[in-house]
Amino acid sequence: MSFQNTRLVTYSMRRPVDIDHLFKDPDTALPVMLIATRTVPHSPRDSQWKLAWKVGKSNTGVPVQREISLFRNQDCMSWGPITRTAEEYTRAVEITQMSFSNRKRLEKIASDAPLHRPNGKAHCQDWLVSVLEAAEKQGLLSRSDWTAAVKAVADV
């Protein structure tokens, strides 16, 4: 796979609204989920994957979550961890319970993970798998937990 360390942002790409100042990540163990959202056109490789954990609810009852993902336009790019209201998704699978300090380590792993262009071989989902592999190497996740989650969303 061809990895790039570029995080080039152009004028047309705006950072999504981050509401982490309103909903702080609590200092308690929370379930970390692998979330897959089916996109159009649809094939499993087109689905958008992210890691997320719930940090609260809005005044209207909508769940608020902290997310780690890549955003796709013609390239993949990362804005880093973002707290936002949960969007509709196709499937969510719990990977593991994770302490606050380990979630911060997971965010750092994702921030340091090299990006790669979608080119028919490398894909945004591959980036997320590389984050999970790095988290396993650092003892944050077991291989069986994260591979089971990936298998559970692979057909979305």
N, C-alpha and C. Protein backbone atom coordinates (compact mmCIF):
# COMPACT_ATOMS: atom_id res chain seq x y z
N MET A 1 0.82 -1.18 0.00
CA MET A 1 0.00 0.00 0.00
C MET A 1 0.87 1.24 0.00
N SER A 2 0.43 2.25 -0.67
CA SER A 2 1.16 3.50 -0.74
C SER A 2 0.62 4.45 0.32
N PHE A 3 1.44 4.74 1.32
CA PHE A 3 1.00 5.61 2.39
C PHE A 3 1.55 7.02 2.17
N GLN A 4 0.79 7.99 2.58
CA GLN A 4 1.21 9.37 2.51
C GLN A 4 1.00 10.01 3.87
N ASN A 5 1.90 10.89 4.23
CA ASN A 5 1.75 11.61 5.49
C ASN A 5 1.17 13.00 5.28
N THR A 6 0.61 13.26 4.13
CA THR A 6 0.04 14.57 3.86
C THR A 6 -1.36 14.68 4.47
N ARG A 7 -1.64 15.80 5.03
CA ARG A 7 -2.96 16.11 5.54
C ARG A 7 -3.40 17.45 4.95
N LEU A 8 -3.17 17.59 3.64
CA LEU A 8 -3.45 18.81 2.92
C LEU A 8 -4.94 19.12 2.96
N VAL A 9 -5.24 20.34 3.35
CA VAL A 9 -6.62 20.81 3.40
C VAL A 9 -6.73 21.97 2.44
N THR A 10 -7.70 21.94 1.55
CA THR A 10 -7.90 23.04 0.62
C THR A 10 -9.04 23.91 1.14
N TYR A 11 -9.21 25.06 0.51
CA TYR A 11 -10.23 26.01 0.93
C TYR A 11 -11.63 25.40 0.90
N SER A 12 -11.88 24.51 -0.04
CA SER A 12 -13.22 23.94 -0.18
C SER A 12 -13.54 22.89 0.89
N MET A 13 -12.53 22.44 1.62
CA MET A 13 -12.75 21.44 2.66
C MET A 13 -12.79 22.13 4.02
N ARG A 14 -13.91 22.09 4.64
CA ARG A 14 -14.06 22.73 5.95
C ARG A 14 -14.16 21.66 7.03
N ARG A 15 -13.51 21.93 8.14
CA ARG A 15 -13.56 21.01 9.27
C ARG A 15 -15.00 20.92 9.76
N PRO A 16 -15.50 19.69 10.00
CA PRO A 16 -16.84 19.56 10.58
C PRO A 16 -16.91 20.24 11.94
N VAL A 17 -18.08 20.67 12.33
CA VAL A 17 -18.26 21.32 13.63
C VAL A 17 -17.94 20.31 14.73
N ASP A 18 -17.09 20.71 15.64
CA ASP A 18 -16.68 19.87 16.77
C ASP A 18 -17.30 20.46 18.04
N ILE A 19 -18.08 19.66 18.75
CA ILE A 19 -18.76 20.17 19.95
C ILE A 19 -18.14 19.57 21.23
N ASP A 20 -16.83 19.30 21.17
CA ASP A 20 -16.17 18.73 22.34
C ASP A 20 -16.14 19.70 23.52
N HIS A 21 -16.30 20.99 23.27
CA HIS A 21 -16.37 21.96 24.36
C HIS A 21 -17.70 21.87 25.11
N LEU A 22 -18.72 21.29 24.47
CA LEU A 22 -20.03 21.12 25.11
C LEU A 22 -20.20 19.74 25.73
N PHE A 23 -19.56 18.73 25.14
CA PHE A 23 -19.68 17.35 25.59
C PHE A 23 -18.28 16.77 25.76
N LYS A 24 -17.77 16.84 26.98
CA LYS A 24 -16.43 16.33 27.27
C LYS A 24 -16.45 14.81 27.31
N ASP A 25 -15.35 14.22 26.87
CA ASP A 25 -15.18 12.77 26.96
C ASP A 25 -15.04 12.43 28.44
N PRO A 26 -15.96 11.64 29.02
CA PRO A 26 -15.93 11.40 30.46
C PRO A 26 -14.77 10.47 30.87
N ASP A 27 -14.28 10.70 32.06
CA ASP A 27 -13.19 9.89 32.60
C ASP A 27 -13.76 8.60 33.21
N THR A 28 -14.29 7.75 32.33
CA THR A 28 -14.87 6.47 32.73
C THR A 28 -14.74 5.51 31.56
N ALA A 29 -14.82 4.23 31.83
CA ALA A 29 -14.76 3.23 30.76
C ALA A 29 -16.03 3.31 29.92
N LEU A 30 -15.86 3.27 28.61
CA LEU A 30 -17.00 3.33 27.68
C LEU A 30 -16.78 2.30 26.57
N PRO A 31 -17.88 1.80 25.98
CA PRO A 31 -17.72 0.90 24.84
C PRO A 31 -17.27 1.67 23.60
N VAL A 32 -16.22 1.17 22.96
CA VAL A 32 -15.76 1.72 21.69
C VAL A 32 -16.37 0.86 20.59
N MET A 33 -17.02 1.53 19.66
CA MET A 33 -17.77 0.87 18.61
C MET A 33 -17.08 1.04 17.26
N LEU A 34 -17.22 0.02 16.41
CA LEU A 34 -16.89 0.14 15.00
C LEU A 34 -18.22 0.34 14.29
N ILE A 35 -18.36 1.47 13.59
CA ILE A 35 -19.61 1.82 12.94
C ILE A 35 -19.40 1.83 11.43
N ALA A 36 -20.30 1.17 10.71
CA ALA A 36 -20.26 1.14 9.25
C ALA A 36 -21.54 1.76 8.70
N THR A 37 -21.37 2.62 7.72
CA THR A 37 -22.50 3.28 7.07
C THR A 37 -22.43 2.99 5.58
N ARG A 38 -23.50 2.40 5.08
CA ARG A 38 -23.59 2.09 3.65
C ARG A 38 -23.71 3.39 2.87
N THR A 39 -22.97 3.46 1.76
CA THR A 39 -23.01 4.64 0.91
C THR A 39 -23.48 4.25 -0.49
N VAL A 40 -23.74 5.24 -1.32
CA VAL A 40 -24.18 5.00 -2.70
C VAL A 40 -23.08 5.54 -3.61
N PRO A 41 -22.59 4.84 -4.62
CA PRO A 41 -23.02 3.50 -5.00
C PRO A 41 -22.59 2.51 -3.93
N HIS A 42 -23.26 1.38 -3.88
CA HIS A 42 -23.00 0.47 -2.78
C HIS A 42 -22.20 -0.75 -3.20
N SER A 43 -21.12 -0.92 -2.52
CA SER A 43 -20.41 -2.18 -2.40
C SER A 43 -19.79 -2.12 -1.02
N PRO A 44 -19.46 -3.23 -0.41
CA PRO A 44 -18.88 -3.17 0.93
C PRO A 44 -17.63 -2.28 1.02
N ARG A 45 -16.86 -2.18 -0.06
CA ARG A 45 -15.67 -1.32 -0.03
C ARG A 45 -16.03 0.16 -0.09
N ASP A 46 -17.28 0.49 -0.42
CA ASP A 46 -17.71 1.89 -0.45
C ASP A 46 -18.20 2.37 0.91
N SER A 47 -18.49 1.46 1.82
CA SER A 47 -19.03 1.84 3.13
C SER A 47 -18.03 2.66 3.91
N GLN A 48 -18.56 3.62 4.65
CA GLN A 48 -17.74 4.47 5.51
C GLN A 48 -17.64 3.84 6.89
N TRP A 49 -16.42 3.66 7.40
CA TRP A 49 -16.21 3.10 8.74
C TRP A 49 -15.67 4.18 9.66
N LYS A 50 -16.02 4.07 10.94
CA LYS A 50 -15.46 4.95 11.96
C LYS A 50 -15.45 4.25 13.29
N LEU A 51 -14.62 4.72 14.19
CA LEU A 51 -14.64 4.32 15.59
C LEU A 51 -15.38 5.40 16.34
N ALA A 52 -16.19 5.03 17.32
CA ALA A 52 -16.95 6.03 18.06
C ALA A 52 -17.31 5.51 19.44
N TRP A 53 -17.52 6.45 20.36
CA TRP A 53 -18.04 6.14 21.68
C TRP A 53 -18.95 7.29 22.11
N LYS A 54 -20.04 6.94 22.76
CA LYS A 54 -21.03 7.94 23.17
C LYS A 54 -20.53 8.71 24.38
N VAL A 55 -20.69 10.05 24.30
CA VAL A 55 -20.25 10.91 25.39
C VAL A 55 -21.40 11.71 25.99
N GLY A 56 -22.60 11.57 25.46
CA GLY A 56 -23.74 12.29 26.01
C GLY A 56 -24.92 12.28 25.08
N LYS A 57 -25.91 13.14 25.41
CA LYS A 57 -27.11 13.33 24.59
C LYS A 57 -27.38 14.82 24.47
N SER A 58 -27.85 15.20 23.30
CA SER A 58 -28.21 16.61 23.08
C SER A 58 -29.50 16.92 23.84
N ASN A 59 -29.88 18.19 23.85
CA ASN A 59 -31.12 18.61 24.51
C ASN A 59 -32.34 17.94 23.88
N THR A 60 -32.22 17.53 22.63
CA THR A 60 -33.34 16.88 21.94
C THR A 60 -33.27 15.36 22.04
N GLY A 61 -32.29 14.84 22.78
CA GLY A 61 -32.18 13.40 22.97
C GLY A 61 -31.34 12.67 21.95
N VAL A 62 -30.72 13.40 21.02
CA VAL A 62 -29.86 12.77 20.01
C VAL A 62 -28.52 12.40 20.65
N PRO A 63 -28.05 11.16 20.46
CA PRO A 63 -26.75 10.78 21.03
C PRO A 63 -25.62 11.65 20.47
N VAL A 64 -24.67 11.95 21.33
CA VAL A 64 -23.46 12.68 20.95
C VAL A 64 -22.30 11.72 21.14
N GLN A 65 -21.42 11.66 20.13
CA GLN A 65 -20.31 10.71 20.22
C GLN A 65 -19.00 11.34 19.78
N ARG A 66 -17.94 10.76 20.28
CA ARG A 66 -16.58 11.10 19.87
C ARG A 66 -16.24 10.13 18.75
N GLU A 67 -15.69 10.64 17.63
CA GLU A 67 -15.46 9.81 16.45
C GLU A 67 -14.02 9.92 15.96
N ILE A 68 -13.55 8.80 15.43
CA ILE A 68 -12.27 8.75 14.72
C ILE A 68 -12.58 8.16 13.36
N SER A 69 -12.31 8.93 12.30
CA SER A 69 -12.56 8.43 10.95
C SER A 69 -11.81 9.27 9.95
N LEU A 70 -11.86 8.82 8.71
CA LEU A 70 -11.39 9.61 7.59
C LEU A 70 -12.61 10.14 6.86
N PHE A 71 -12.48 11.32 6.33
CA PHE A 71 -13.52 11.89 5.50
C PHE A 71 -13.08 11.73 4.06
N ARG A 72 -14.03 11.35 3.22
CA ARG A 72 -13.67 11.11 1.82
C ARG A 72 -14.30 12.14 0.92
N ASN A 73 -13.47 12.68 0.04
CA ASN A 73 -13.95 13.33 -1.17
C ASN A 73 -13.16 12.62 -2.26
N GLN A 74 -12.32 13.29 -3.01
CA GLN A 74 -11.50 12.54 -3.96
C GLN A 74 -10.31 11.90 -3.27
N ASP A 75 -9.94 12.36 -2.10
CA ASP A 75 -8.87 11.79 -1.31
C ASP A 75 -9.43 11.46 0.07
N CYS A 76 -8.64 10.75 0.86
CA CYS A 76 -9.00 10.55 2.26
C CYS A 76 -8.26 11.58 3.09
N MET A 77 -8.92 12.13 4.08
CA MET A 77 -8.27 13.07 4.97
C MET A 77 -8.83 12.91 6.37
N SER A 78 -8.03 13.31 7.34
CA SER A 78 -8.43 13.20 8.74
C SER A 78 -8.46 14.57 9.38
N TRP A 79 -9.53 14.84 10.10
CA TRP A 79 -9.61 16.06 10.89
C TRP A 79 -9.22 15.77 12.33
N GLY A 80 -8.84 14.55 12.62
CA GLY A 80 -8.56 14.15 13.99
C GLY A 80 -9.86 13.78 14.69
N PRO A 81 -9.79 13.45 15.97
CA PRO A 81 -11.01 13.08 16.70
C PRO A 81 -11.98 14.26 16.75
N ILE A 82 -13.26 13.97 16.58
CA ILE A 82 -14.29 15.00 16.58
C ILE A 82 -15.47 14.51 17.41
N THR A 83 -16.04 15.42 18.19
CA THR A 83 -17.26 15.14 18.94
C THR A 83 -18.42 15.79 18.19
N ARG A 84 -19.44 14.98 17.88
CA ARG A 84 -20.58 15.48 17.12
C ARG A 84 -21.80 14.61 17.38
N THR A 85 -22.94 15.10 16.94
CA THR A 85 -24.15 14.28 17.09
C THR A 85 -24.03 13.07 16.18
N ALA A 86 -24.58 11.96 16.67
CA ALA A 86 -24.50 10.71 15.92
C ALA A 86 -25.36 10.80 14.67
N GLU A 87 -24.83 10.29 13.57
CA GLU A 87 -25.58 10.22 12.32
C GLU A 87 -26.15 8.82 12.18
N GLU A 88 -27.08 8.67 11.24
CA GLU A 88 -27.62 7.34 10.97
C GLU A 88 -26.49 6.44 10.46
N TYR A 89 -26.57 5.19 10.79
CA TYR A 89 -25.57 4.23 10.34
C TYR A 89 -26.26 2.92 10.01
N THR A 90 -25.52 2.04 9.36
CA THR A 90 -26.08 0.76 8.95
C THR A 90 -25.86 -0.31 10.01
N ARG A 91 -24.65 -0.34 10.59
CA ARG A 91 -24.35 -1.35 11.61
C ARG A 91 -23.29 -0.80 12.56
N ALA A 92 -23.45 -1.10 13.85
CA ALA A 92 -22.47 -0.74 14.88
C ALA A 92 -22.18 -1.97 15.71
N VAL A 93 -20.89 -2.19 15.97
CA VAL A 93 -20.45 -3.36 16.72
C VAL A 93 -19.49 -2.90 17.80
N GLU A 94 -19.74 -3.34 19.03
CA GLU A 94 -18.81 -2.99 20.11
C GLU A 94 -17.52 -3.78 19.94
N ILE A 95 -16.39 -3.07 20.00
CA ILE A 95 -15.08 -3.73 19.95
C ILE A 95 -14.65 -4.11 21.35
N THR A 96 -14.67 -3.13 22.25
CA THR A 96 -14.24 -3.36 23.63
C THR A 96 -14.63 -2.18 24.51
N GLN A 97 -14.62 -2.39 25.82
CA GLN A 97 -14.72 -1.29 26.78
C GLN A 97 -13.33 -0.68 26.89
N MET A 98 -13.25 0.64 26.95
CA MET A 98 -11.95 1.27 27.01
C MET A 98 -11.97 2.43 28.00
N SER A 99 -10.94 2.51 28.80
CA SER A 99 -10.82 3.60 29.78
C SER A 99 -10.57 4.92 29.06
N PHE A 100 -10.78 6.02 29.78
CA PHE A 100 -10.54 7.35 29.22
C PHE A 100 -9.09 7.48 28.74
N SER A 101 -8.14 7.06 29.56
CA SER A 101 -6.73 7.20 29.17
C SER A 101 -6.41 6.36 27.94
N ASN A 102 -6.99 5.19 27.82
CA ASN A 102 -6.76 4.37 26.63
C ASN A 102 -7.45 4.95 25.39
N ARG A 103 -8.60 5.60 25.57
CA ARG A 103 -9.23 6.27 24.43
C ARG A 103 -8.36 7.42 23.94
N LYS A 104 -7.72 8.13 24.85
CA LYS A 104 -6.80 9.20 24.46
C LYS A 104 -5.61 8.61 23.71
N ARG A 105 -5.11 7.47 24.14
CA ARG A 105 -4.03 6.79 23.42
C ARG A 105 -4.49 6.37 22.03
N LEU A 106 -5.73 5.88 21.92
CA LEU A 106 -6.29 5.49 20.63
C LEU A 106 -6.38 6.71 19.70
N GLU A 107 -6.81 7.85 20.22
CA GLU A 107 -6.86 9.07 19.42
C GLU A 107 -5.47 9.45 18.91
N LYS A 108 -4.47 9.31 19.75
CA LYS A 108 -3.08 9.63 19.36
C LYS A 108 -2.61 8.67 18.26
N ILE A 109 -2.91 7.38 18.41
CA ILE A 109 -2.55 6.40 17.38
C ILE A 109 -3.17 6.81 16.04
N ALA A 110 -4.45 7.18 16.05
CA ALA A 110 -5.13 7.57 14.82
C ALA A 110 -4.53 8.85 14.25
N SER A 111 -4.19 9.80 15.11
CA SER A 111 -3.59 11.05 14.63
C SER A 111 -2.23 10.83 13.98
N ASP A 112 -1.52 9.83 14.47
CA ASP A 112 -0.18 9.53 13.94
C ASP A 112 -0.20 8.57 12.75
N ALA A 113 -1.34 7.93 12.50
CA ALA A 113 -1.41 6.93 11.42
C ALA A 113 -1.29 7.61 10.06
N PRO A 114 -0.41 7.10 9.20
CA PRO A 114 -0.27 7.70 7.87
C PRO A 114 -1.53 7.51 7.04
N LEU A 115 -1.79 8.48 6.20
CA LEU A 115 -2.94 8.42 5.30
C LEU A 115 -2.50 7.84 3.96
N HIS A 116 -3.45 7.30 3.22
CA HIS A 116 -3.17 6.82 1.88
C HIS A 116 -4.34 7.18 0.97
N ARG A 117 -4.04 7.35 -0.28
CA ARG A 117 -5.07 7.71 -1.25
C ARG A 117 -5.88 6.48 -1.64
N PRO A 118 -7.19 6.64 -1.81
CA PRO A 118 -7.96 5.52 -2.36
C PRO A 118 -7.54 5.33 -3.82
N ASN A 119 -7.07 4.13 -4.14
CA ASN A 119 -6.55 3.91 -5.49
C ASN A 119 -6.97 2.56 -6.05
N GLY A 120 -8.01 1.98 -5.50
CA GLY A 120 -8.43 0.66 -5.95
C GLY A 120 -7.79 -0.45 -5.13
N LYS A 121 -6.69 -0.14 -4.47
CA LYS A 121 -6.01 -1.10 -3.59
C LYS A 121 -6.09 -0.59 -2.16
N ALA A 122 -5.46 0.54 -1.90
CA ALA A 122 -5.55 1.15 -0.58
C ALA A 122 -6.91 1.86 -0.46
N HIS A 123 -7.44 1.92 0.74
CA HIS A 123 -8.79 2.43 0.93
C HIS A 123 -8.90 3.03 2.32
N CYS A 124 -9.87 3.87 2.53
CA CYS A 124 -10.07 4.49 3.84
C CYS A 124 -10.33 3.44 4.93
N GLN A 125 -11.00 2.35 4.59
CA GLN A 125 -11.21 1.27 5.57
C GLN A 125 -9.87 0.66 5.98
N ASP A 126 -8.93 0.59 5.04
CA ASP A 126 -7.61 0.04 5.35
C ASP A 126 -6.90 0.89 6.40
N TRP A 127 -7.10 2.22 6.31
CA TRP A 127 -6.51 3.11 7.31
C TRP A 127 -7.05 2.77 8.70
N LEU A 128 -8.35 2.57 8.80
CA LEU A 128 -8.94 2.25 10.09
C LEU A 128 -8.41 0.92 10.62
N VAL A 129 -8.27 -0.06 9.75
CA VAL A 129 -7.69 -1.34 10.17
C VAL A 129 -6.26 -1.14 10.66
N SER A 130 -5.49 -0.27 10.00
CA SER A 130 -4.12 -0.01 10.47
C SER A 130 -4.12 0.64 11.85
N VAL A 131 -5.11 1.47 12.12
CA VAL A 131 -5.24 2.07 13.46
C VAL A 131 -5.54 0.97 14.49
N LEU A 132 -6.45 0.06 14.16
CA LEU A 132 -6.79 -1.04 15.07
C LEU A 132 -5.58 -1.96 15.30
N GLU A 133 -4.82 -2.23 14.25
CA GLU A 133 -3.61 -3.05 14.40
C GLU A 133 -2.60 -2.38 15.32
N ALA A 134 -2.41 -1.07 15.15
CA ALA A 134 -1.48 -0.34 16.01
C ALA A 134 -1.98 -0.32 17.46
N ALA A 135 -3.29 -0.20 17.65
CA ALA A 135 -3.86 -0.23 19.00
C ALA A 135 -3.65 -1.60 19.64
N GLU A 136 -3.76 -2.65 18.84
CA GLU A 136 -3.48 -4.00 19.35
C GLU A 136 -2.03 -4.11 19.79
N LYS A 137 -1.10 -3.62 18.97
CA LYS A 137 0.33 -3.68 19.30
C LYS A 137 0.65 -2.94 20.59
N GLN A 138 -0.13 -1.89 20.88
CA GLN A 138 0.08 -1.12 22.11
C GLN A 138 -0.73 -1.65 23.28
N GLY A 139 -1.42 -2.78 23.08
CA GLY A 139 -2.14 -3.42 24.17
C GLY A 139 -3.50 -2.83 24.49
N LEU A 140 -4.06 -2.02 23.60
CA LEU A 140 -5.36 -1.41 23.86
C LEU A 140 -6.52 -2.32 23.48
N LEU A 141 -6.28 -3.21 22.51
CA LEU A 141 -7.33 -4.11 22.00
C LEU A 141 -6.74 -5.50 21.82
N SER A 142 -7.61 -6.49 21.90
CA SER A 142 -7.17 -7.84 21.53
C SER A 142 -7.44 -8.04 20.05
N ARG A 143 -6.62 -8.83 19.42
CA ARG A 143 -6.80 -9.11 17.98
C ARG A 143 -8.17 -9.73 17.72
N SER A 144 -8.59 -10.65 18.59
CA SER A 144 -9.88 -11.31 18.37
C SER A 144 -11.04 -10.32 18.47
N ASP A 145 -10.96 -9.33 19.37
CA ASP A 145 -12.03 -8.34 19.49
C ASP A 145 -12.16 -7.48 18.25
N TRP A 146 -11.03 -6.92 17.78
CA TRP A 146 -11.16 -6.01 16.64
C TRP A 146 -11.41 -6.74 15.33
N THR A 147 -10.84 -7.94 15.16
CA THR A 147 -11.09 -8.66 13.91
C THR A 147 -12.54 -9.16 13.84
N ALA A 148 -13.11 -9.51 14.99
CA ALA A 148 -14.52 -9.90 15.01
C ALA A 148 -15.42 -8.72 14.61
N ALA A 149 -15.08 -7.53 15.09
CA ALA A 149 -15.86 -6.34 14.74
C ALA A 149 -15.74 -6.04 13.25
N VAL A 150 -14.53 -6.12 12.71
CA VAL A 150 -14.33 -5.89 11.28
C VAL A 150 -15.12 -6.90 10.45
N LYS A 151 -15.07 -8.15 10.87
CA LYS A 151 -15.81 -9.20 10.15
C LYS A 151 -17.31 -8.90 10.19
N ALA A 152 -17.80 -8.40 11.31
CA ALA A 152 -19.24 -8.14 11.48
C ALA A 152 -19.74 -7.00 10.59
N VAL A 153 -18.85 -6.07 10.20
CA VAL A 153 -19.29 -4.95 9.36
C VAL A 153 -18.80 -5.07 7.92
N ALA A 154 -18.02 -6.10 7.61
CA ALA A 154 -17.39 -6.23 6.30
C ALA A 154 -18.37 -6.31 5.14
N ASP A 155 -19.58 -6.78 5.40
CA ASP A 155 -20.56 -6.93 4.31
C ASP A 155 -21.53 -5.75 4.19
N VAL A 156 -21.33 -4.72 4.97
CA VAL A 156 -22.23 -3.55 4.94
C VAL A 156 -21.97 -2.74 3.69
